[in-house]
PDB file of all heavy atoms in Angstrom:
ATOM      1  N   GLN A   1      57.621  55.587  67.299  1.00  0.00           N
ATOM      2  CA  GLN A   1      58.654  56.495  67.803  1.00  0.00           C
ATOM      3  C   GLN A   1      59.313  57.277  66.666  1.00  0.00           C
ATOM      4  O   GLN A   1      60.482  57.674  66.758  1.00  0.00           O
ATOM      5  CB  GLN A   1      59.707  55.749  68.612  1.00  0.00           C
ATOM      6  CG  GLN A   1      59.187  55.240  69.958  1.00  0.00           C
ATOM      7  CD  GLN A   1      58.693  56.384  70.849  1.00  0.00           C
ATOM      8  OE1 GLN A   1      59.437  57.282  71.192  1.00  0.00           O
ATOM      9  NE2 GLN A   1      57.410  56.337  71.212  1.00  0.00           N
ATOM     10  N   ALA A   2      58.554  57.500  65.592  1.00  0.00           N
ATOM     11  CA  ALA A   2      59.014  58.326  64.479  1.00  0.00           C
ATOM     12  C   ALA A   2      58.006  59.446  64.264  1.00  0.00           C
ATOM     13  O   ALA A   2      56.798  59.258  64.466  1.00  0.00           O
ATOM     14  CB  ALA A   2      59.159  57.494  63.208  1.00  0.00           C
ATOM     15  N   PRO A   3      58.467  60.623  63.861  1.00  0.00           N
ATOM     16  CA  PRO A   3      57.531  61.720  63.620  1.00  0.00           C
ATOM     17  C   PRO A   3      56.789  61.546  62.305  1.00  0.00           C
ATOM     18  O   PRO A   3      57.289  60.908  61.373  1.00  0.00           O
ATOM     19  CB  PRO A   3      58.441  62.954  63.580  1.00  0.00           C
ATOM     20  CG  PRO A   3      59.749  62.425  63.084  1.00  0.00           C
ATOM     21  CD  PRO A   3      59.863  61.033  63.642  1.00  0.00           C
ATOM     22  N   GLU A   4      55.602  62.142  62.234  1.00  0.00           N
ATOM     23  CA  GLU A   4      54.782  62.095  61.032  1.00  0.00           C
ATOM     24  C   GLU A   4      54.221  63.484  60.766  1.00  0.00           C
ATOM     25  O   GLU A   4      53.923  64.229  61.698  1.00  0.00           O
ATOM     26  CB  GLU A   4      53.629  61.097  61.202  1.00  0.00           C
ATOM     27  CG  GLU A   4      54.085  59.666  61.410  1.00  0.00           C
ATOM     28  CD  GLU A   4      52.937  58.713  61.736  1.00  0.00           C
ATOM     29  OE1 GLU A   4      51.791  59.195  61.891  1.00  0.00           O
ATOM     30  OE2 GLU A   4      53.196  57.507  61.836  1.00  0.00           O
ATOM     31  N   GLY A   5      54.075  63.831  59.499  1.00  0.00           N
ATOM     32  CA  GLY A   5      53.499  65.121  59.159  1.00  0.00           C
ATOM     33  C   GLY A   5      54.064  65.665  57.857  1.00  0.00           C
ATOM     34  O   GLY A   5      54.906  65.040  57.202  1.00  0.00           O
ATOM     35  N   PHE A   6      53.593  66.839  57.471  1.00  0.00           N
ATOM     36  CA  PHE A   6      53.970  67.436  56.200  1.00  0.00           C
ATOM     37  C   PHE A   6      55.458  67.759  56.148  1.00  0.00           C
ATOM     38  O   PHE A   6      56.133  67.468  55.150  1.00  0.00           O
ATOM     39  CB  PHE A   6      53.132  68.700  55.963  1.00  0.00           C
ATOM     40  CG  PHE A   6      53.315  69.308  54.600  1.00  0.00           C
ATOM     41  CD1 PHE A   6      53.074  68.575  53.453  1.00  0.00           C
ATOM     42  CD2 PHE A   6      53.716  70.628  54.468  1.00  0.00           C
ATOM     43  CE1 PHE A   6      53.233  69.134  52.194  1.00  0.00           C
ATOM     44  CE2 PHE A   6      53.866  71.209  53.219  1.00  0.00           C
ATOM     45  CZ  PHE A   6      53.624  70.459  52.077  1.00  0.00           C
ATOM     46  N   ASP A   7      56.006  68.356  57.208  1.00  0.00           N
ATOM     47  CA  ASP A   7      57.443  68.627  57.234  1.00  0.00           C
ATOM     48  C   ASP A   7      58.238  67.337  57.071  1.00  0.00           C
ATOM     49  O   ASP A   7      59.253  67.306  56.368  1.00  0.00           O
ATOM     50  CB  ASP A   7      57.838  69.287  58.558  1.00  0.00           C
ATOM     51  CG  ASP A   7      57.425  70.746  58.642  1.00  0.00           C
ATOM     52  OD1 ASP A   7      57.170  71.360  57.598  1.00  0.00           O
ATOM     53  OD2 ASP A   7      57.349  71.268  59.768  1.00  0.00           O
ATOM     54  N   VAL A   8      57.784  66.302  57.740  1.00  0.00           N
ATOM     55  CA  VAL A   8      58.464  65.008  57.681  1.00  0.00           C
ATOM     56  C   VAL A   8      58.452  64.469  56.254  1.00  0.00           C
ATOM     57  O   VAL A   8      59.473  63.976  55.740  1.00  0.00           O
ATOM     58  CB  VAL A   8      57.793  64.015  58.649  1.00  0.00           C
ATOM     59  CG1 VAL A   8      58.371  62.615  58.476  1.00  0.00           C
ATOM     60  CG2 VAL A   8      57.951  64.490  60.087  1.00  0.00           C
ATOM     61  N   GLU A   9      57.311  64.588  55.576  1.00  0.00           N
ATOM     62  CA  GLU A   9      57.204  64.085  54.206  1.00  0.00           C
ATOM     63  C   GLU A   9      58.080  64.890  53.246  1.00  0.00           C
ATOM     64  O   GLU A   9      58.662  64.326  52.315  1.00  0.00           O
ATOM     65  CB  GLU A   9      55.745  64.115  53.753  1.00  0.00           C
ATOM     66  CG  GLU A   9      54.855  63.122  54.476  1.00  0.00           C
ATOM     67  CD  GLU A   9      55.340  61.694  54.320  1.00  0.00           C
ATOM     68  OE1 GLU A   9      55.528  61.243  53.174  1.00  0.00           O
ATOM     69  OE2 GLU A   9      55.559  61.023  55.353  1.00  0.00           O
ATOM     70  N   ILE A  10      58.169  66.197  53.454  1.00  0.00           N
ATOM     71  CA  ILE A  10      59.042  67.007  52.610  1.00  0.00           C
ATOM     72  C   ILE A  10      60.494  66.562  52.781  1.00  0.00           C
ATOM     73  O   ILE A  10      61.252  66.448  51.805  1.00  0.00           O
ATOM     74  CB  ILE A  10      58.890  68.503  52.948  1.00  0.00           C
ATOM     75  CG1 ILE A  10      57.478  68.992  52.591  1.00  0.00           C
ATOM     76  CG2 ILE A  10      59.943  69.329  52.216  1.00  0.00           C
ATOM     77  CD1 ILE A  10      57.125  68.887  51.127  1.00  0.00           C
ATOM     78  N   ALA A  11      60.892  66.293  54.009  1.00  0.00           N
ATOM     79  CA  ALA A  11      62.253  65.807  54.251  1.00  0.00           C
ATOM     80  C   ALA A  11      62.481  64.456  53.578  1.00  0.00           C
ATOM     81  O   ALA A  11      63.569  64.193  53.044  1.00  0.00           O
ATOM     82  CB  ALA A  11      62.513  65.706  55.751  1.00  0.00           C
ATOM     83  N   LYS A  12      61.470  63.594  53.584  1.00  0.00           N
ATOM     84  CA  LYS A  12      61.600  62.294  52.915  1.00  0.00           C
ATOM     85  C   LYS A  12      61.771  62.457  51.409  1.00  0.00           C
ATOM     86  O   LYS A  12      62.516  61.697  50.768  1.00  0.00           O
ATOM     87  CB  LYS A  12      60.374  61.430  53.204  1.00  0.00           C
ATOM     88  CG  LYS A  12      60.260  60.938  54.630  1.00  0.00           C
ATOM     89  CD  LYS A  12      58.978  60.126  54.793  1.00  0.00           C
ATOM     90  CE  LYS A  12      58.741  59.694  56.224  1.00  0.00           C
ATOM     91  NZ  LYS A  12      57.455  58.953  56.357  1.00  0.00           N
ATOM     92  N   ILE A  13      61.077  63.425  50.831  1.00  0.00           N
ATOM     93  CA  ILE A  13      61.224  63.690  49.397  1.00  0.00           C
ATOM     94  C   ILE A  13      62.660  64.088  49.082  1.00  0.00           C
ATOM     95  O   ILE A  13      63.261  63.622  48.104  1.00  0.00           O
ATOM     96  CB  ILE A  13      60.230  64.787  48.958  1.00  0.00           C
ATOM     97  CG1 ILE A  13      58.790  64.264  48.994  1.00  0.00           C
ATOM     98  CG2 ILE A  13      60.568  65.292  47.548  1.00  0.00           C
ATOM     99  CD1 ILE A  13      57.736  65.322  48.743  1.00  0.00           C
ATOM    100  N   ILE A  14      63.240  64.960  49.914  1.00  0.00           N
ATOM    101  CA  ILE A  14      64.625  65.387  49.719  1.00  0.00           C
ATOM    102  C   ILE A  14      65.576  64.205  49.866  1.00  0.00           C
ATOM    103  O   ILE A  14      66.488  64.009  49.044  1.00  0.00           O
ATOM    104  CB  ILE A  14      64.974  66.503  50.718  1.00  0.00           C
ATOM    105  CG1 ILE A  14      64.116  67.745  50.431  1.00  0.00           C
ATOM    106  CG2 ILE A  14      66.462  66.849  50.659  1.00  0.00           C
ATOM    107  CD1 ILE A  14      64.150  68.780  51.537  1.00  0.00           C
ATOM    108  N   ALA A  15      65.369  63.403  50.902  1.00  0.00           N
ATOM    109  CA  ALA A  15      66.233  62.241  51.123  1.00  0.00           C
ATOM    110  C   ALA A  15      66.163  61.276  49.953  1.00  0.00           C
ATOM    111  O   ALA A  15      67.190  60.726  49.527  1.00  0.00           O
ATOM    112  CB  ALA A  15      65.827  61.538  52.419  1.00  0.00           C
ATOM    113  N   ALA A  16      64.962  61.056  49.425  1.00  0.00           N
ATOM    114  CA  ALA A  16      64.794  60.116  48.312  1.00  0.00           C
ATOM    115  C   ALA A  16      65.602  60.547  47.098  1.00  0.00           C
ATOM    116  O   ALA A  16      66.182  59.716  46.386  1.00  0.00           O
ATOM    117  CB  ALA A  16      63.314  59.995  47.952  1.00  0.00           C
ATOM    118  N   GLU A  17      65.659  61.857  46.839  1.00  0.00           N
ATOM    119  CA  GLU A  17      66.427  62.355  45.704  1.00  0.00           C
ATOM    120  C   GLU A  17      67.928  62.256  45.941  1.00  0.00           C
ATOM    121  O   GLU A  17      68.710  62.333  45.003  1.00  0.00           O
ATOM    122  CB  GLU A  17      66.029  63.796  45.394  1.00  0.00           C
ATOM    123  CG  GLU A  17      64.618  63.945  44.857  1.00  0.00           C
ATOM    124  CD  GLU A  17      64.407  63.195  43.555  1.00  0.00           C
ATOM    125  OE1 GLU A  17      65.307  63.254  42.681  1.00  0.00           O
ATOM    126  OE2 GLU A  17      63.354  62.552  43.402  1.00  0.00           O
ATOM    127  N   LEU A  18      68.311  62.090  47.187  1.00  0.00           N
ATOM    128  CA  LEU A  18      69.716  61.850  47.522  1.00  0.00           C
ATOM    129  C   LEU A  18      70.059  60.363  47.492  1.00  0.00           C
ATOM    130  O   LEU A  18      71.207  59.981  47.742  1.00  0.00           O
ATOM    131  CB  LEU A  18      70.024  62.413  48.916  1.00  0.00           C
ATOM    132  CG  LEU A  18      70.055  63.930  49.044  1.00  0.00           C
ATOM    133  CD1 LEU A  18      69.993  64.342  50.512  1.00  0.00           C
ATOM    134  CD2 LEU A  18      71.302  64.504  48.383  1.00  0.00           C
ATOM    135  N   GLY A  19      69.060  59.529  47.227  1.00  0.00           N
ATOM    136  CA  GLY A  19      69.263  58.090  47.222  1.00  0.00           C
ATOM    137  C   GLY A  19      69.224  57.475  48.596  1.00  0.00           C
ATOM    138  O   GLY A  19      69.751  56.375  48.808  1.00  0.00           O
ATOM    139  N   ILE A  20      68.594  58.163  49.546  1.00  0.00           N
ATOM    140  CA  ILE A  20      68.555  57.710  50.941  1.00  0.00           C
ATOM    141  C   ILE A  20      67.181  57.141  51.267  1.00  0.00           C
ATOM    142  O   ILE A  20      66.158  57.800  51.049  1.00  0.00           O
ATOM    143  CB  ILE A  20      68.905  58.883  51.887  1.00  0.00           C
ATOM    144  CG1 ILE A  20      70.332  59.346  51.629  1.00  0.00           C
ATOM    145  CG2 ILE A  20      68.714  58.477  53.351  1.00  0.00           C
ATOM    146  CD1 ILE A  20      70.713  60.601  52.381  1.00  0.00           C
ATOM    147  N   GLU A  21      67.169  55.935  51.795  1.00  0.00           N
ATOM    148  CA  GLU A  21      65.929  55.279  52.184  1.00  0.00           C
ATOM    149  C   GLU A  21      65.326  55.951  53.414  1.00  0.00           C
ATOM    150  O   GLU A  21      66.037  56.516  54.250  1.00  0.00           O
ATOM    151  CB  GLU A  21      66.172  53.799  52.494  1.00  0.00           C
ATOM    152  CG  GLU A  21      66.696  52.978  51.340  1.00  0.00           C
ATOM    153  CD  GLU A  21      65.618  52.610  50.325  1.00  0.00           C
ATOM    154  OE1 GLU A  21      64.426  52.830  50.644  1.00  0.00           O
ATOM    155  OE2 GLU A  21      65.977  52.104  49.253  1.00  0.00           O
ATOM    156  N   GLU A  22      64.008  55.841  53.524  1.00  0.00           N
ATOM    157  CA  GLU A  22      63.303  56.451  54.650  1.00  0.00           C
ATOM    158  C   GLU A  22      63.815  55.953  55.988  1.00  0.00           C
ATOM    159  O   GLU A  22      63.965  56.737  56.941  1.00  0.00           O
ATOM    160  CB  GLU A  22      61.810  56.154  54.518  1.00  0.00           C
ATOM    161  CG  GLU A  22      60.950  56.623  55.653  1.00  0.00           C
ATOM    162  CD  GLU A  22      59.512  56.192  55.477  1.00  0.00           C
ATOM    163  OE1 GLU A  22      59.111  55.888  54.344  1.00  0.00           O
ATOM    164  OE2 GLU A  22      58.791  56.147  56.496  1.00  0.00           O
ATOM    165  N   ASP A  23      64.100  54.657  56.091  1.00  0.00           N
ATOM    166  CA  ASP A  23      64.527  54.113  57.379  1.00  0.00           C
ATOM    167  C   ASP A  23      65.976  54.456  57.706  1.00  0.00           C
ATOM    168  O   ASP A  23      66.483  54.095  58.777  1.00  0.00           O
ATOM    169  CB  ASP A  23      64.303  52.601  57.448  1.00  0.00           C
ATOM    170  CG  ASP A  23      65.039  51.830  56.360  1.00  0.00           C
ATOM    171  OD1 ASP A  23      65.837  52.444  55.620  1.00  0.00           O
ATOM    172  OD2 ASP A  23      64.813  50.606  56.250  1.00  0.00           O
ATOM    173  N   ALA A  24      66.658  55.170  56.791  1.00  0.00           N
ATOM    174  CA  ALA A  24      68.023  55.616  57.060  1.00  0.00           C
ATOM    175  C   ALA A  24      68.069  57.080  57.491  1.00  0.00           C
ATOM    176  O   ALA A  24      69.149  57.655  57.590  1.00  0.00           O
ATOM    177  CB  ALA A  24      68.900  55.406  55.834  1.00  0.00           C
ATOM    178  N   ILE A  25      66.892  57.665  57.723  1.00  0.00           N
ATOM    179  CA  ILE A  25      66.826  59.032  58.229  1.00  0.00           C
ATOM    180  C   ILE A  25      66.776  58.976  59.752  1.00  0.00           C
ATOM    181  O   ILE A  25      65.935  58.295  60.341  1.00  0.00           O
ATOM    182  CB  ILE A  25      65.585  59.769  57.703  1.00  0.00           C
ATOM    183  CG1 ILE A  25      65.595  59.812  56.173  1.00  0.00           C
ATOM    184  CG2 ILE A  25      65.516  61.183  58.279  1.00  0.00           C
ATOM    185  CD1 ILE A  25      64.308  60.363  55.579  1.00  0.00           C
ATOM    186  N   GLU A  26      67.669  59.706  60.393  1.00  0.00           N
ATOM    187  CA  GLU A  26      67.600  59.876  61.846  1.00  0.00           C
ATOM    188  C   GLU A  26      66.858  61.174  62.134  1.00  0.00           C
ATOM    189  O   GLU A  26      67.254  62.245  61.686  1.00  0.00           O
ATOM    190  CB  GLU A  26      68.997  59.939  62.461  1.00  0.00           C
ATOM    191  CG  GLU A  26      68.971  60.153  63.972  1.00  0.00           C
ATOM    192  CD  GLU A  26      70.338  60.348  64.579  1.00  0.00           C
ATOM    193  OE1 GLU A  26      71.343  60.265  63.835  1.00  0.00           O
ATOM    194  OE2 GLU A  26      70.416  60.602  65.804  1.00  0.00           O
ATOM    195  N   TRP A  27      65.763  61.070  62.899  1.00  0.00           N
ATOM    196  CA  TRP A  27      64.945  62.236  63.217  1.00  0.00           C
ATOM    197  C   TRP A  27      65.356  62.779  64.580  1.00  0.00           C
ATOM    198  O   TRP A  27      65.411  62.035  65.555  1.00  0.00           O
ATOM    199  CB  TRP A  27      63.464  61.863  63.238  1.00  0.00           C
ATOM    200  CG  TRP A  27      62.989  61.273  61.946  1.00  0.00           C
ATOM    201  CD1 TRP A  27      62.778  59.951  61.673  1.00  0.00           C
ATOM    202  CD2 TRP A  27      62.678  61.982  60.743  1.00  0.00           C
ATOM    203  NE1 TRP A  27      62.359  59.792  60.382  1.00  0.00           N
ATOM    204  CE2 TRP A  27      62.277  61.019  59.782  1.00  0.00           C
ATOM    205  CE3 TRP A  27      62.686  63.335  60.384  1.00  0.00           C
ATOM    206  CZ2 TRP A  27      61.898  61.379  58.484  1.00  0.00           C
ATOM    207  CZ3 TRP A  27      62.311  63.686  59.098  1.00  0.00           C
ATOM    208  CH2 TRP A  27      61.923  62.727  58.171  1.00  0.00           C
TER     209      TRP A  27
END
């Protein structure tokens, strides 16, 4: 029940640089 794809991965890269874990992203 989570999205997957290139846009999603780019958002994860941004979140990681903010110190935010992947499982703390609400899609």
